[in-house]
C-alpha cells in the first residue's frame, strides 16, 4: 500500500483545496483528524498528497450532507485505519435512524389524522379541572416517560407556550389534560423532525385556536422533503465512498 501510494501523482495541499473551494489549512486539519490518510513529507518537510487523498476528501465531503460531520469523520477514520466493518456499521446505523425518522413522520401524520378538529378548545379556553387519575389527566413524570423525554423538557415547552398544564389545587403539581398531551405529542414529533421551539409554537397555537390541522401540512411536506433529500445524499455519499474503497484496493 505504501509503495503504491508513493507511485501516484503528487499533489500539493492547495491542489486538493482548490477543487472544493477549501483552504489549505482545512485540508491539513482533515488529515490531522484522520479523514485523509497520512501524507508523505518531502525532505524539506512539505506535505505531498496523491489521488488517494483526493478521493478521501471527495468521499468525506460527499458523506457530510447525508451523515453529518461527526459520523462522516468516524466513517473516514475507520476506513483509513483499515476497519471497513466499523465504517459499514456506522453507515447502517445512519440508515436505521433515517428509517426511524420516516416512521416518526408517519406517526405524526397518523396522529394528526386521528385528531378531531371539534375536540380542539376555543382560543383562551381551558378544559374543566378533572381528577389527576381520571381520563385526560396525567402528571409530568408519567407524560415525560411516555414520550421518552425528561420532565425538564416538558417544563421548557411550557415556558415556550407549547403546553399549558393546569395545577392541581391540592398539591400544586402540573396536570396535563387531553389537549396538553396532544400538544406535547405533536411538539415531540416535530422536535424529532428538526423543528425549533419557536417554529413549533405558532403551529400548535393555530391548531389549538382554530381547531384545524392545516398549519402543519406545509411543515410535514417540508419534513418529508428533507428526509428524501437526506436519503438521496446518503446514496451519493455511499457511491463516492465505494469509489474510494476500490481505489484503496
Foldseek 3Di string as FASTA:
>chain_A
DVVVQVPADWDALVVLCVVPVHDSVVLVVLCVLQLFPNFDADPVGGGIGGVLRSLSVVLLVLQCLQQNNVLSSVLSNCVNVVNNVVNVVSLVVSVVLLVVLVVLLVVLVVLQVPQFLVPFDAVPDDDDDDDCPDAFKHFLVVLCVVLVHDSVVVVVLVVLQQADFDADPVPRTTIGGNLRSSSVSNVSSVVSLVDDSVVSNVQSSCCNHVSDNVVCPVVSVVSVVSSVVSVVSSVSSVVSVVVSSVVVD
